[in-house]
Amino acid sequence: MHSNDVQELLDRAAITDVLYRTARAMDSKDWDLLAAGYTEDAQGDYVNAAASGRAEIVEGTRAFLGPLDATHHAVHNIEVSIDGDAATTHATMTAQHVRGGEQFLLGGTYDDTFRRTEQGWQISHRRIRGLWSTGNPTVLTVPVS
């Protein structure tokens, strides 16, 4: 194995870890951990919203997930493509959202662009697309009584 091959494996592992940590951050409502996964100038393109900059991404995520009783974000089938200090990933995801005894499950994709920074690999652009859902969608938009 060549040193370039070893470096690519290390980069792939580090990038995958960012995907897993951002999912854990959302579920544990650890907003500092979530912020660490993004570059300062990151862009977010979500199912029904957009965000510009790390602070807006974190605040938008906090506003969206904060009122929920629980969430569970699972990231699957991660594909990584690395080109020097830039990378892209495509992953499937499922996200369970719970509030007031009601549930809403979303399945979709994360398409991310990464940049190697002084802090390590960070997401510079995230595109989330929902492909299917089941359950009560009002869990995400209005309180469930």
C-alpha atoms as a PDB file:
ATOM      1  CA  MET A   1       0.000   0.000   0.000  1.00  0.00           C
ATOM      2  CA  HIS A   2       1.372   3.401  -0.983  1.00  0.00           C
ATOM      3  CA  SER A   3       1.374   6.427   1.300  1.00  0.00           C
ATOM      4  CA  ASN A   4      -1.208   8.113  -0.987  1.00  0.00           C
ATOM      5  CA  ASP A   5      -3.505   5.102  -0.501  1.00  0.00           C
ATOM      6  CA  VAL A   6      -3.084   5.320   3.273  1.00  0.00           C
ATOM      7  CA  GLN A   7      -3.816   9.058   3.241  1.00  0.00           C
ATOM      8  CA  GLU A   8      -6.961   8.483   1.181  1.00  0.00           C
ATOM      9  CA  LEU A   9      -8.169   5.875   3.675  1.00  0.00           C
ATOM     10  CA  LEU A  10      -7.485   8.266   6.564  1.00  0.00           C
ATOM     11  CA  ASP A  11      -9.343  11.061   4.743  1.00  0.00           C
ATOM     12  CA  ARG A  12     -12.302   8.797   3.989  1.00  0.00           C
ATOM     13  CA  ALA A  13     -12.509   7.792   7.655  1.00  0.00           C
ATOM     14  CA  ALA A  14     -12.304  11.412   8.819  1.00  0.00           C
ATOM     15  CA  ILE A  15     -15.006  12.533   6.366  1.00  0.00           C
ATOM     16  CA  THR A  16     -17.290   9.668   7.369  1.00  0.00           C
ATOM     17  CA  ASP A  17     -16.759  10.581  11.026  1.00  0.00           C
ATOM     18  CA  VAL A  18     -17.974  14.125  10.294  1.00  0.00           C
ATOM     19  CA  LEU A  19     -21.190  12.699   8.837  1.00  0.00           C
ATOM     20  CA  TYR A  20     -21.734  10.509  11.883  1.00  0.00           C
ATOM     21  CA  ARG A  21     -20.868  13.317  14.352  1.00  0.00           C
ATOM     22  CA  THR A  22     -23.264  15.790  12.734  1.00  0.00           C
ATOM     23  CA  ALA A  23     -26.041  13.186  13.004  1.00  0.00           C
ATOM     24  CA  ARG A  24     -25.165  12.576  16.664  1.00  0.00           C
ATOM     25  CA  ALA A  25     -25.028  16.324  17.283  1.00  0.00           C
ATOM     26  CA  MET A  26     -28.562  16.772  15.929  1.00  0.00           C
ATOM     27  CA  ASP A  27     -29.904  13.905  18.050  1.00  0.00           C
ATOM     28  CA  SER A  28     -28.172  15.039  21.246  1.00  0.00           C
ATOM     29  CA  LYS A  29     -28.892  18.719  20.527  1.00  0.00           C
ATOM     30  CA  ASP A  30     -25.177  19.440  20.889  1.00  0.00           C
ATOM     31  CA  TRP A  31     -25.056  22.620  18.836  1.00  0.00           C
ATOM     32  CA  ASP A  32     -21.307  23.171  19.373  1.00  0.00           C
ATOM     33  CA  LEU A  33     -20.574  19.706  17.996  1.00  0.00           C
ATOM     34  CA  LEU A  34     -22.847  20.436  15.040  1.00  0.00           C
ATOM     35  CA  ALA A  35     -21.047  23.734  14.360  1.00  0.00           C
ATOM     36  CA  ALA A  36     -17.683  21.951  14.361  1.00  0.00           C
ATOM     37  CA  GLY A  37     -18.784  19.932  11.343  1.00  0.00           C
ATOM     38  CA  TYR A  38     -19.253  22.987   9.124  1.00  0.00           C
ATOM     39  CA  THR A  39     -16.995  25.628   7.622  1.00  0.00           C
ATOM     40  CA  GLU A  40     -17.689  29.220   8.644  1.00  0.00           C
ATOM     41  CA  ASP A  41     -19.074  29.996   5.162  1.00  0.00           C
ATOM     42  CA  ALA A  42     -21.039  26.743   4.734  1.00  0.00           C
ATOM     43  CA  GLN A  43     -24.243  26.694   2.728  1.00  0.00           C
ATOM     44  CA  GLY A  44     -27.312  24.570   3.415  1.00  0.00           C
ATOM     45  CA  ASP A  45     -29.925  23.526   0.857  1.00  0.00           C
ATOM     46  CA  TYR A  46     -32.618  21.642   2.714  1.00  0.00           C
ATOM     47  CA  VAL A  47     -35.918  19.974   1.903  1.00  0.00           C
ATOM     48  CA  ASN A  48     -37.877  23.194   2.532  1.00  0.00           C
ATOM     49  CA  ALA A  49     -35.310  25.817   3.580  1.00  0.00           C
ATOM     50  CA  ALA A  50     -31.863  27.250   2.915  1.00  0.00           C
ATOM     51  CA  ALA A  51     -29.138  28.587   5.184  1.00  0.00           C
ATOM     52  CA  SER A  52     -26.020  30.648   4.608  1.00  0.00           C
ATOM     53  CA  GLY A  53     -23.104  30.380   7.023  1.00  0.00           C
ATOM     54  CA  ARG A  54     -22.336  28.074   9.943  1.00  0.00           C
ATOM     55  CA  ALA A  55     -24.238  30.196  12.470  1.00  0.00           C
ATOM     56  CA  GLU A  56     -27.411  30.223  10.363  1.00  0.00           C
ATOM     57  CA  ILE A  57     -27.166  26.463   9.769  1.00  0.00           C
ATOM     58  CA  VAL A  58     -26.835  25.770  13.490  1.00  0.00           C
ATOM     59  CA  GLU A  59     -29.579  28.198  14.504  1.00  0.00           C
ATOM     60  CA  GLY A  60     -31.916  26.860  11.820  1.00  0.00           C
ATOM     61  CA  THR A  61     -31.269  23.296  12.950  1.00  0.00           C
ATOM     62  CA  ARG A  62     -31.824  24.285  16.590  1.00  0.00           C
ATOM     63  CA  ALA A  63     -35.140  25.964  15.719  1.00  0.00           C
ATOM     64  CA  PHE A  64     -36.239  22.958  13.640  1.00  0.00           C
ATOM     65  CA  LEU A  65     -35.194  20.148  15.999  1.00  0.00           C
ATOM     66  CA  GLY A  66     -35.169  21.899  19.375  1.00  0.00           C
ATOM     67  CA  PRO A  67     -38.914  21.608  20.044  1.00  0.00           C
ATOM     68  CA  LEU A  68     -38.932  17.867  19.368  1.00  0.00           C
ATOM     69  CA  ASP A  69     -38.899  15.313  22.171  1.00  0.00           C
ATOM     70  CA  ALA A  70     -36.404  13.123  20.324  1.00  0.00           C
ATOM     71  CA  THR A  71     -34.804  12.522  16.953  1.00  0.00           C
ATOM     72  CA  HIS A  72     -32.753   9.725  15.486  1.00  0.00           C
ATOM     73  CA  HIS A  73     -30.683  10.469  12.373  1.00  0.00           C
ATOM     74  CA  ALA A  74     -29.020   7.468  10.729  1.00  0.00           C
ATOM     75  CA  VAL A  75     -26.565   7.882   7.853  1.00  0.00           C
ATOM     76  CA  HIS A  76     -26.133   4.939   5.453  1.00  0.00           C
ATOM     77  CA  ASN A  77     -24.369   3.900   2.241  1.00  0.00           C
ATOM     78  CA  ILE A  78     -21.759   6.646   2.299  1.00  0.00           C
ATOM     79  CA  GLU A  79     -19.889   7.238  -0.956  1.00  0.00           C
ATOM     80  CA  VAL A  80     -16.795   9.472  -0.753  1.00  0.00           C
ATOM     81  CA  SER A  81     -14.865  11.092  -3.595  1.00  0.00           C
ATOM     82  CA  ILE A  82     -11.676  12.987  -2.690  1.00  0.00           C
ATOM     83  CA  ASP A  83      -9.754  15.454  -4.845  1.00  0.00           C
ATOM     84  CA  GLY A  84      -6.869  16.956  -2.872  1.00  0.00           C
ATOM     85  CA  ASP A  85      -8.304  19.205  -0.161  1.00  0.00           C
ATOM     86  CA  ALA A  86     -11.871  18.913  -1.476  1.00  0.00           C
ATOM     87  CA  ALA A  87     -14.296  16.030  -1.303  1.00  0.00           C
ATOM     88  CA  THR A  88     -17.890  15.154  -2.047  1.00  0.00           C
ATOM     89  CA  THR A  89     -20.127  12.596  -0.413  1.00  0.00           C
ATOM     90  CA  HIS A  90     -23.458  11.040  -1.213  1.00  0.00           C
ATOM     91  CA  ALA A  91     -25.255   9.202   1.574  1.00  0.00           C
ATOM     92  CA  THR A  92     -28.721   7.920   2.271  1.00  0.00           C
ATOM     93  CA  MET A  93     -30.375   8.781   5.557  1.00  0.00           C
ATOM     94  CA  THR A  94     -33.374   8.111   7.720  1.00  0.00           C
ATOM     95  CA  ALA A  95     -34.496  10.639  10.303  1.00  0.00           C
ATOM     96  CA  GLN A  96     -37.068   9.835  12.973  1.00  0.00           C
ATOM     97  CA  HIS A  97     -38.772  12.818  14.649  1.00  0.00           C
ATOM     98  CA  VAL A  98     -40.863  12.444  17.805  1.00  0.00           C
ATOM     99  CA  ARG A  99     -43.089  14.933  19.620  1.00  0.00           C
ATOM    100  CA  GLY A 100     -46.015  14.419  21.964  1.00  0.00           C
ATOM    101  CA  GLY A 101     -46.215  10.698  21.266  1.00  0.00           C
ATOM    102  CA  GLU A 102     -46.453  11.253  17.506  1.00  0.00           C
ATOM    103  CA  GLN A 103     -43.743  10.277  15.017  1.00  0.00           C
ATOM    104  CA  PHE A 104     -42.603  11.327  11.562  1.00  0.00           C
ATOM    105  CA  LEU A 105     -39.981   9.313   9.680  1.00  0.00           C
ATOM    106  CA  LEU A 106     -38.169  10.786   6.677  1.00  0.00           C
ATOM    107  CA  GLY A 107     -35.901   8.930   4.281  1.00  0.00           C
ATOM    108  CA  GLY A 108     -33.664  10.758   1.861  1.00  0.00           C
ATOM    109  CA  THR A 109     -30.171  11.773   0.866  1.00  0.00           C
ATOM    110  CA  TYR A 110     -27.331  13.977   2.024  1.00  0.00           C
ATOM    111  CA  ASP A 111     -25.117  15.337  -0.750  1.00  0.00           C
ATOM    112  CA  ASP A 112     -22.211  17.159   0.854  1.00  0.00           C
ATOM    113  CA  THR A 113     -19.159  19.066  -0.285  1.00  0.00           C
ATOM    114  CA  PHE A 114     -16.219  19.004   2.123  1.00  0.00           C
ATOM    115  CA  ARG A 115     -13.132  21.142   2.521  1.00  0.00           C
ATOM    116  CA  ARG A 116      -9.976  20.248   4.420  1.00  0.00           C
ATOM    117  CA  THR A 117      -9.410  23.036   6.958  1.00  0.00           C
ATOM    118  CA  GLU A 118      -7.091  23.660   9.895  1.00  0.00           C
ATOM    119  CA  GLN A 119      -9.790  21.984  12.022  1.00  0.00           C
ATOM    120  CA  GLY A 120      -9.886  18.944   9.715  1.00  0.00           C
ATOM    121  CA  TRP A 121     -12.529  18.016   7.150  1.00  0.00           C
ATOM    122  CA  GLN A 122     -15.674  20.158   7.359  1.00  0.00           C
ATOM    123  CA  ILE A 123     -18.865  20.413   5.342  1.00  0.00           C
ATOM    124  CA  SER A 124     -18.943  23.494   3.117  1.00  0.00           C
ATOM    125  CA  HIS A 125     -22.259  22.674   1.405  1.00  0.00           C
ATOM    126  CA  ARG A 126     -25.053  20.296   2.389  1.00  0.00           C
ATOM    127  CA  ARG A 127     -28.017  19.389   0.206  1.00  0.00           C
ATOM    128  CA  ILE A 128     -30.758  17.341   1.871  1.00  0.00           C
ATOM    129  CA  ARG A 129     -33.497  15.750  -0.159  1.00  0.00           C
ATOM    130  CA  GLY A 130     -36.441  13.785   1.168  1.00  0.00           C
ATOM    131  CA  LEU A 131     -37.413  10.755  -0.910  1.00  0.00           C
ATOM    132  CA  TRP A 132     -40.154   9.234   1.231  1.00  0.00           C
ATOM    133  CA  SER A 133     -41.881   9.714   4.560  1.00  0.00           C
ATOM    134  CA  THR A 134     -44.351   8.072   6.868  1.00  0.00           C
ATOM    135  CA  GLY A 135     -46.125   9.156  10.009  1.00  0.00           C
ATOM    136  CA  ASN A 136     -47.500  12.487  11.122  1.00  0.00           C
ATOM    137  CA  PRO A 137     -45.773  15.392   9.306  1.00  0.00           C
ATOM    138  CA  THR A 138     -47.232  17.945  11.725  1.00  0.00           C
ATOM    139  CA  VAL A 139     -44.685  16.690  14.264  1.00  0.00           C
ATOM    140  CA  LEU A 140     -42.275  19.001  12.449  1.00  0.00           C
ATOM    141  CA  THR A 141     -44.484  22.048  12.020  1.00  0.00           C
ATOM    142  CA  VAL A 142     -47.021  22.428  14.821  1.00  0.00           C
ATOM    143  CA  PRO A 143     -47.299  21.197  18.401  1.00  0.00           C
ATOM    144  CA  VAL A 144     -49.075  17.891  18.754  1.00  0.00           C
ATOM    145  CA  SER A 145     -51.732  17.977  21.464  1.00  0.00           C
END
